Amino acid sequence: MNRTISMASAFAALLLSGCSASPPGSGPAAPPLWQVYQDALKGAKYVDLTHPITPSIPVWAGFGPATFGPTVDPKTKRPYTWSQDGFEATRYVLATDQLGTQLDPPAHWNPDYPGIDELPPTFAVRPLVVISIADQVARQPGYHLALDDVASWEKVHGRIPEGSVVFIRSGWSKDWPDPSLTTRRPFPGISLDAIKFLHEQRHILFHGHEALDADTTPNLDAEAWLLKNGYTQAEGVANLDQVPEAGALVVIGYPKFQGGLGGYARFIAICPPDWKYGLSVGQVPESPLAKPGKPLHWDAKVGMRVR
């Protein structure tokens, strides 16, 4: 069996067969979704596609950087400490909701469409398609995904599933978190023709890219078309070289800021059990979690807690 056999298809098959009777004397049948977890998700490989947010990550100069600091007791003006209060907390001053790995709702460019808190919960789990343009970008740093690249992917893997998430692997993020990435030109993106095809012909949920903008045209044509017409996109996606081009799922999470125009997102790829990257359930301690070996402490030089 091909290692990139569609987990989405397996997921659906398990749902359809999940009401089968249990063997005599074995007790009640497991609920179908619990059986899906046991049969398909527990043994899968999980790969994080998300950059950590720090005060020094790349961000557009028009927004400015974030700053972190200890949370201060408003009465005493003293930071909470583990030694005196039994806990600590962090104060984040985030200059923008367009920071790091993110999910852009259409209201970012068009207030007539939903903000981040209005995206439906059905965004949570989707089939994941990864189209690589890394070779093209190595030869031409400003290369944009074209219709031919989509056709080449489908020639190998079949039709892109309706409702899927399409991430474009370019290799741009290999230099993350170098702050100069925000001013480096040219950078890879996606053509307007390709993004229109993916949405209007393949009816994907959204696409994502490694860079912090969708394209390099003077008016950001692809990004403008997307967001002004009710579509969503992901930016700043990481580790796309560690997931299969077909056969994985993606789990999508983001804070629910009311009226938010961007989302600090967490994307996790769920890959086949025999995939060479990622972690499986039970491979590392989870409950309780393991101690990393060094305690967290505040580092004034980098402006955040480190080990």
Protein backbone atom coordinates (compact mmCIF):
# COMPACT_ATOMS: atom_id res chain seq x y z
CA MET A 1 0.00 0.00 0.00
CA ASN A 2 1.27 3.46 -0.87
CA ARG A 3 2.38 5.27 2.29
CA THR A 4 0.49 8.39 1.21
CA ILE A 5 -2.85 6.61 0.85
CA SER A 6 -5.52 9.12 1.69
CA MET A 7 -6.12 9.36 5.43
CA ALA A 8 -9.18 11.40 4.59
CA SER A 9 -10.62 8.42 2.70
CA ALA A 10 -9.78 6.11 5.58
CA PHE A 11 -11.39 8.55 8.00
CA ALA A 12 -14.61 8.59 5.95
CA ALA A 13 -14.64 4.81 5.58
CA LEU A 14 -14.28 4.35 9.31
CA LEU A 15 -17.15 6.72 9.95
CA LEU A 16 -19.38 4.79 7.56
CA SER A 17 -18.46 1.46 9.10
CA GLY A 18 -18.36 2.66 12.69
CA CYS A 19 -21.79 1.29 13.62
CA SER A 20 -20.83 -2.36 13.09
CA ALA A 21 -21.79 -4.74 15.85
CA SER A 22 -19.33 -5.75 18.54
CA PRO A 23 -18.33 -9.39 19.05
CA PRO A 24 -20.56 -11.23 21.55
CA GLY A 25 -19.59 -10.52 25.14
CA SER A 26 -17.30 -7.63 24.26
CA GLY A 27 -19.61 -4.90 25.58
CA PRO A 28 -21.07 -1.94 23.75
CA ALA A 29 -19.52 -0.90 20.45
CA ALA A 30 -17.22 2.09 20.61
CA PRO A 31 -18.84 5.28 19.30
CA PRO A 32 -17.84 5.75 15.65
CA LEU A 33 -15.64 8.80 16.15
CA TRP A 34 -13.80 7.16 19.06
CA GLN A 35 -13.15 4.20 16.78
CA VAL A 36 -11.78 6.55 14.13
CA TYR A 37 -9.33 7.87 16.71
CA GLN A 38 -8.23 4.37 17.74
CA ASP A 39 -7.95 3.03 14.20
CA ALA A 40 -6.65 6.02 12.23
CA LEU A 41 -5.52 8.91 14.39
CA LYS A 42 -3.82 7.41 17.43
CA GLY A 43 -1.10 5.73 15.37
CA ALA A 44 -0.68 8.60 12.91
CA LYS A 45 2.36 10.90 12.80
CA TYR A 46 1.82 14.50 13.89
CA VAL A 47 3.92 17.32 12.41
CA ASP A 48 3.71 20.93 13.62
CA LEU A 49 3.49 23.43 10.75
CA THR A 50 3.69 26.48 13.03
CA HIS A 51 6.44 28.99 13.86
CA PRO A 52 6.78 30.02 17.53
CA ILE A 53 5.91 33.65 18.20
CA THR A 54 8.81 35.62 19.69
CA PRO A 55 9.58 39.35 19.92
CA SER A 56 12.10 39.09 17.07
CA ILE A 57 10.26 37.13 14.36
CA PRO A 58 9.80 38.71 10.92
CA VAL A 59 6.94 41.23 10.78
CA TRP A 60 6.10 44.01 8.37
CA ALA A 61 7.64 47.33 9.46
CA GLY A 62 4.24 48.97 9.13
CA PHE A 63 3.05 46.89 12.09
CA GLY A 64 6.17 46.75 14.24
CA PRO A 65 7.39 44.00 16.59
CA ALA A 66 5.73 42.42 19.59
CA THR A 67 7.06 42.80 23.12
CA PHE A 68 6.79 40.31 25.96
CA GLY A 69 7.04 40.98 29.67
CA PRO A 70 6.10 39.49 33.05
CA THR A 71 2.51 40.09 34.09
CA VAL A 72 2.39 42.68 36.87
CA ASP A 73 0.03 42.79 39.84
CA PRO A 74 -1.96 46.01 39.19
CA LYS A 75 -2.13 46.71 42.93
CA THR A 76 1.51 46.26 43.88
CA LYS A 77 3.05 46.94 40.43
CA ARG A 78 5.21 43.90 41.11
CA PRO A 79 5.60 40.99 38.68
CA TYR A 80 4.10 37.71 39.85
CA THR A 81 6.80 35.16 40.70
CA TRP A 82 6.86 31.45 41.29
CA SER A 83 8.69 31.98 44.60
CA GLN A 84 6.31 34.55 46.09
CA ASP A 85 2.98 33.88 44.35
CA GLY A 86 3.25 30.27 43.24
CA PHE A 87 2.81 31.17 39.58
CA GLU A 88 3.96 33.49 36.82
CA ALA A 89 2.21 34.87 33.77
CA THR A 90 3.24 36.79 30.67
CA ARG A 91 2.11 40.13 29.32
CA TYR A 92 2.07 40.24 25.53
CA VAL A 93 1.98 43.53 23.64
CA LEU A 94 1.13 42.43 20.11
CA ALA A 95 1.32 45.26 17.61
CA THR A 96 -0.85 43.37 15.12
CA ASP A 97 -2.95 40.27 14.59
CA GLN A 98 -0.87 39.65 11.44
CA LEU A 99 2.03 37.94 13.17
CA GLY A 100 3.91 34.70 12.54
CA THR A 101 1.99 31.66 11.31
CA GLN A 102 -1.46 33.11 10.76
CA LEU A 103 -4.91 32.67 9.29
CA ASP A 104 -6.32 35.66 7.41
CA PRO A 105 -10.12 35.94 7.39
CA PRO A 106 -11.62 37.93 4.51
CA ALA A 107 -12.53 40.84 6.81
CA HIS A 108 -8.81 41.67 6.82
CA TRP A 109 -9.49 43.36 3.46
CA ASN A 110 -13.29 43.51 3.29
CA PRO A 111 -15.48 44.35 6.33
CA ASP A 112 -18.54 42.84 4.64
CA TYR A 113 -17.12 39.33 5.24
CA PRO A 114 -16.39 37.40 8.49
CA GLY A 115 -13.68 38.22 10.96
CA ILE A 116 -11.60 35.56 12.70
CA ASP A 117 -14.24 34.88 15.37
CA GLU A 118 -16.92 34.35 12.72
CA LEU A 119 -15.20 31.53 10.83
CA PRO A 120 -17.28 28.34 11.14
CA PRO A 121 -16.08 25.49 13.39
CA THR A 122 -16.06 23.23 10.32
CA PHE A 123 -12.62 24.67 9.52
CA ALA A 124 -11.18 22.36 12.21
CA VAL A 125 -10.01 19.28 10.22
CA ARG A 126 -9.44 19.00 6.47
CA PRO A 127 -7.58 16.97 3.83
CA LEU A 128 -4.13 18.48 3.27
CA VAL A 129 -2.59 19.01 -0.17
CA VAL A 130 1.03 20.15 -0.41
CA ILE A 131 2.23 21.45 -3.78
CA SER A 132 5.97 22.01 -3.96
CA ILE A 133 7.52 24.80 -6.01
CA ALA A 134 10.81 24.55 -4.08
CA ASP A 135 12.82 23.54 -7.16
CA GLN A 136 11.45 26.42 -9.21
CA VAL A 137 12.11 28.90 -6.38
CA ALA A 138 15.71 27.65 -6.06
CA ARG A 139 16.22 28.74 -9.67
CA GLN A 140 13.96 31.80 -9.56
CA PRO A 141 13.39 33.24 -6.03
CA GLY A 142 10.28 35.16 -7.09
CA TYR A 143 8.53 32.18 -8.69
CA HIS A 144 4.75 32.00 -8.17
CA LEU A 145 2.65 28.84 -8.23
CA ALA A 146 1.18 28.47 -11.73
CA LEU A 147 -1.66 26.46 -13.24
CA ASP A 148 0.92 24.02 -14.67
CA ASP A 149 2.13 23.24 -11.13
CA VAL A 150 -1.41 22.37 -10.07
CA ALA A 151 -1.85 20.19 -13.15
CA SER A 152 1.45 18.40 -12.44
CA TRP A 153 0.36 17.65 -8.87
CA GLU A 154 -2.97 16.25 -10.06
CA LYS A 155 -1.26 14.11 -12.70
CA VAL A 156 0.59 12.30 -9.91
CA HIS A 157 -1.93 12.35 -7.05
CA GLY A 158 -5.34 12.78 -8.66
CA ARG A 159 -7.89 15.57 -8.39
CA ILE A 160 -7.48 17.98 -5.48
CA PRO A 161 -10.27 17.16 -2.98
CA GLU A 162 -13.11 19.63 -2.61
CA GLY A 163 -12.92 21.40 0.74
CA SER A 164 -9.24 20.64 1.21
CA VAL A 165 -6.46 22.96 2.38
CA VAL A 166 -3.68 23.52 -0.16
CA PHE A 167 -0.30 24.54 1.26
CA ILE A 168 2.41 25.74 -1.14
CA ARG A 169 5.90 24.57 -0.26
CA SER A 170 8.54 27.04 -1.46
CA GLY A 171 11.43 26.73 1.01
CA TRP A 172 11.11 30.44 1.89
CA SER A 173 10.76 29.65 5.60
CA LYS A 174 14.12 27.88 5.82
CA ASP A 175 15.65 31.20 6.93
CA TRP A 176 13.00 31.89 9.58
CA PRO A 177 13.23 33.75 12.01
CA ASP A 178 15.65 36.08 10.23
CA PRO A 179 13.93 39.52 10.50
CA SER A 180 15.29 40.49 7.08
CA LEU A 181 12.80 38.10 5.46
CA THR A 182 10.19 40.88 5.54
CA THR A 183 12.26 43.06 3.21
CA ARG A 184 13.81 40.35 1.06
CA ARG A 185 12.73 40.67 -2.55
CA PRO A 186 11.64 38.88 -4.58
CA PHE A 187 9.81 36.18 -2.65
CA PRO A 188 7.72 33.20 -3.82
CA GLY A 189 3.95 33.37 -4.08
CA ILE A 190 0.90 32.22 -6.00
CA SER A 191 -0.45 33.50 -9.30
CA LEU A 192 -3.94 34.94 -9.59
CA ASP A 193 -4.84 32.33 -12.22
CA ALA A 194 -3.81 29.49 -9.91
CA ILE A 195 -5.66 30.80 -6.88
CA LYS A 196 -8.82 31.38 -8.90
CA PHE A 197 -8.62 27.85 -10.31
CA LEU A 198 -8.17 26.30 -6.86
CA HIS A 199 -11.22 28.09 -5.48
CA GLU A 200 -13.55 28.23 -8.47
CA GLN A 201 -12.74 24.86 -10.08
CA ARG A 202 -11.52 22.72 -7.18
CA HIS A 203 -13.50 24.47 -4.45
CA ILE A 204 -10.79 24.25 -1.80
CA LEU A 205 -11.34 25.68 1.69
CA PHE A 206 -8.23 27.85 1.59
CA HIS A 207 -4.61 27.89 0.54
CA GLY A 208 -1.49 28.71 2.56
CA HIS A 209 2.08 29.77 1.83
CA GLU A 210 5.36 30.14 3.70
CA ALA A 211 5.87 33.85 3.01
CA LEU A 212 3.91 36.65 4.67
CA ASP A 213 2.10 37.77 1.50
CA ALA A 214 0.44 35.78 -1.26
CA ASP A 215 2.14 37.47 -4.21
CA THR A 216 4.52 40.23 -5.27
CA THR A 217 2.38 42.17 -7.73
CA PRO A 218 2.18 45.94 -7.05
CA ASN A 219 -1.41 45.64 -5.75
CA LEU A 220 -1.13 42.14 -4.26
CA ASP A 221 -3.58 40.92 -6.90
CA ALA A 222 -3.97 37.34 -5.67
CA GLU A 223 -4.33 38.32 -2.01
CA ALA A 224 -6.76 41.13 -2.88
CA TRP A 225 -8.95 38.82 -4.98
CA LEU A 226 -9.04 36.22 -2.21
CA LEU A 227 -9.90 38.42 0.72
CA LYS A 228 -12.21 40.82 -1.09
CA ASN A 229 -14.31 37.89 -2.31
CA GLY A 230 -14.84 36.04 0.95
CA TYR A 231 -11.95 33.57 0.91
CA THR A 232 -9.45 32.83 3.66
CA GLN A 233 -5.70 32.19 3.48
CA ALA A 234 -2.85 30.99 5.71
CA GLU A 235 0.53 32.71 5.85
CA GLY A 236 3.86 31.96 7.49
CA VAL A 237 3.37 28.17 7.34
CA ALA A 238 6.36 26.07 8.43
CA ASN A 239 7.87 22.58 7.96
CA LEU A 240 6.13 21.74 4.69
CA ASP A 241 9.17 19.66 3.74
CA GLN A 242 8.19 17.25 6.53
CA VAL A 243 4.71 16.30 5.29
CA PRO A 244 3.57 14.21 2.29
CA GLU A 245 2.21 15.94 -0.79
CA ALA A 246 -0.99 13.88 -0.52
CA GLY A 247 -2.67 11.68 2.06
CA ALA A 248 -2.44 13.79 5.23
CA LEU A 249 -4.98 15.82 7.18
CA VAL A 250 -4.51 19.25 8.73
CA VAL A 251 -5.87 20.37 12.09
CA ILE A 252 -6.53 24.10 12.31
CA GLY A 253 -6.67 26.21 15.47
CA TYR A 254 -6.55 29.93 16.26
CA PRO A 255 -7.56 32.33 19.06
CA LYS A 256 -11.11 33.65 18.77
CA PHE A 257 -10.67 37.40 19.09
CA GLN A 258 -14.04 39.07 18.51
CA GLY A 259 -13.86 41.25 15.44
CA GLY A 260 -10.30 40.05 14.79
CA LEU A 261 -8.85 40.59 11.33
CA GLY A 262 -6.08 37.99 11.62
CA GLY A 263 -5.33 34.91 13.61
CA TYR A 264 -2.24 33.58 15.33
CA ALA A 265 -2.78 30.10 13.96
CA ARG A 266 -1.65 26.58 14.86
CA PHE A 267 -1.58 24.08 12.01
CA ILE A 268 -0.83 20.41 12.72
CA ALA A 269 -0.45 17.85 9.93
CA ILE A 270 -1.71 14.34 10.65
CA CYS A 271 0.35 12.00 8.47
CA PRO A 272 0.21 8.25 7.77
CA PRO A 273 1.64 6.00 10.52
CA ASP A 274 4.66 4.96 8.42
CA TRP A 275 5.60 8.54 7.56
CA LYS A 276 9.24 9.35 8.33
CA TYR A 277 8.59 12.60 10.23
CA GLY A 278 6.50 13.51 13.23
CA LEU A 279 5.42 12.04 16.55
CA SER A 280 2.76 9.46 17.37
CA VAL A 281 0.54 9.37 20.43
CA GLY A 282 2.43 7.65 23.24
CA GLN A 283 5.86 8.33 21.75
CA VAL A 284 6.57 11.08 24.27
CA PRO A 285 5.11 11.71 27.75
CA GLU A 286 1.87 13.68 27.57
CA SER A 287 0.01 13.40 30.86
CA PRO A 288 1.89 14.26 32.93
CA LEU A 289 4.30 16.02 30.60
CA ALA A 290 8.04 15.44 31.00
CA LYS A 291 10.30 18.05 32.56
CA PRO A 292 12.63 19.47 29.87
CA GLY A 293 15.63 19.48 32.21
CA LYS A 294 16.03 23.22 32.72
CA PRO A 295 13.42 25.54 34.26
CA LEU A 296 12.02 28.49 32.38
CA HIS A 297 13.47 31.86 33.36
CA TRP A 298 13.13 35.42 32.16
CA ASP A 299 15.90 36.53 29.80
CA ALA A 300 15.95 40.31 29.53
CA LYS A 301 18.32 40.19 26.56
CA VAL A 302 15.88 38.33 24.31
CA GLY A 303 12.76 39.70 26.01
CA MET A 304 11.03 36.44 26.82
CA ARG A 305 11.25 33.33 28.96
CA VAL A 306 13.76 30.70 27.85
CA ARG A 307 15.25 27.50 29.25
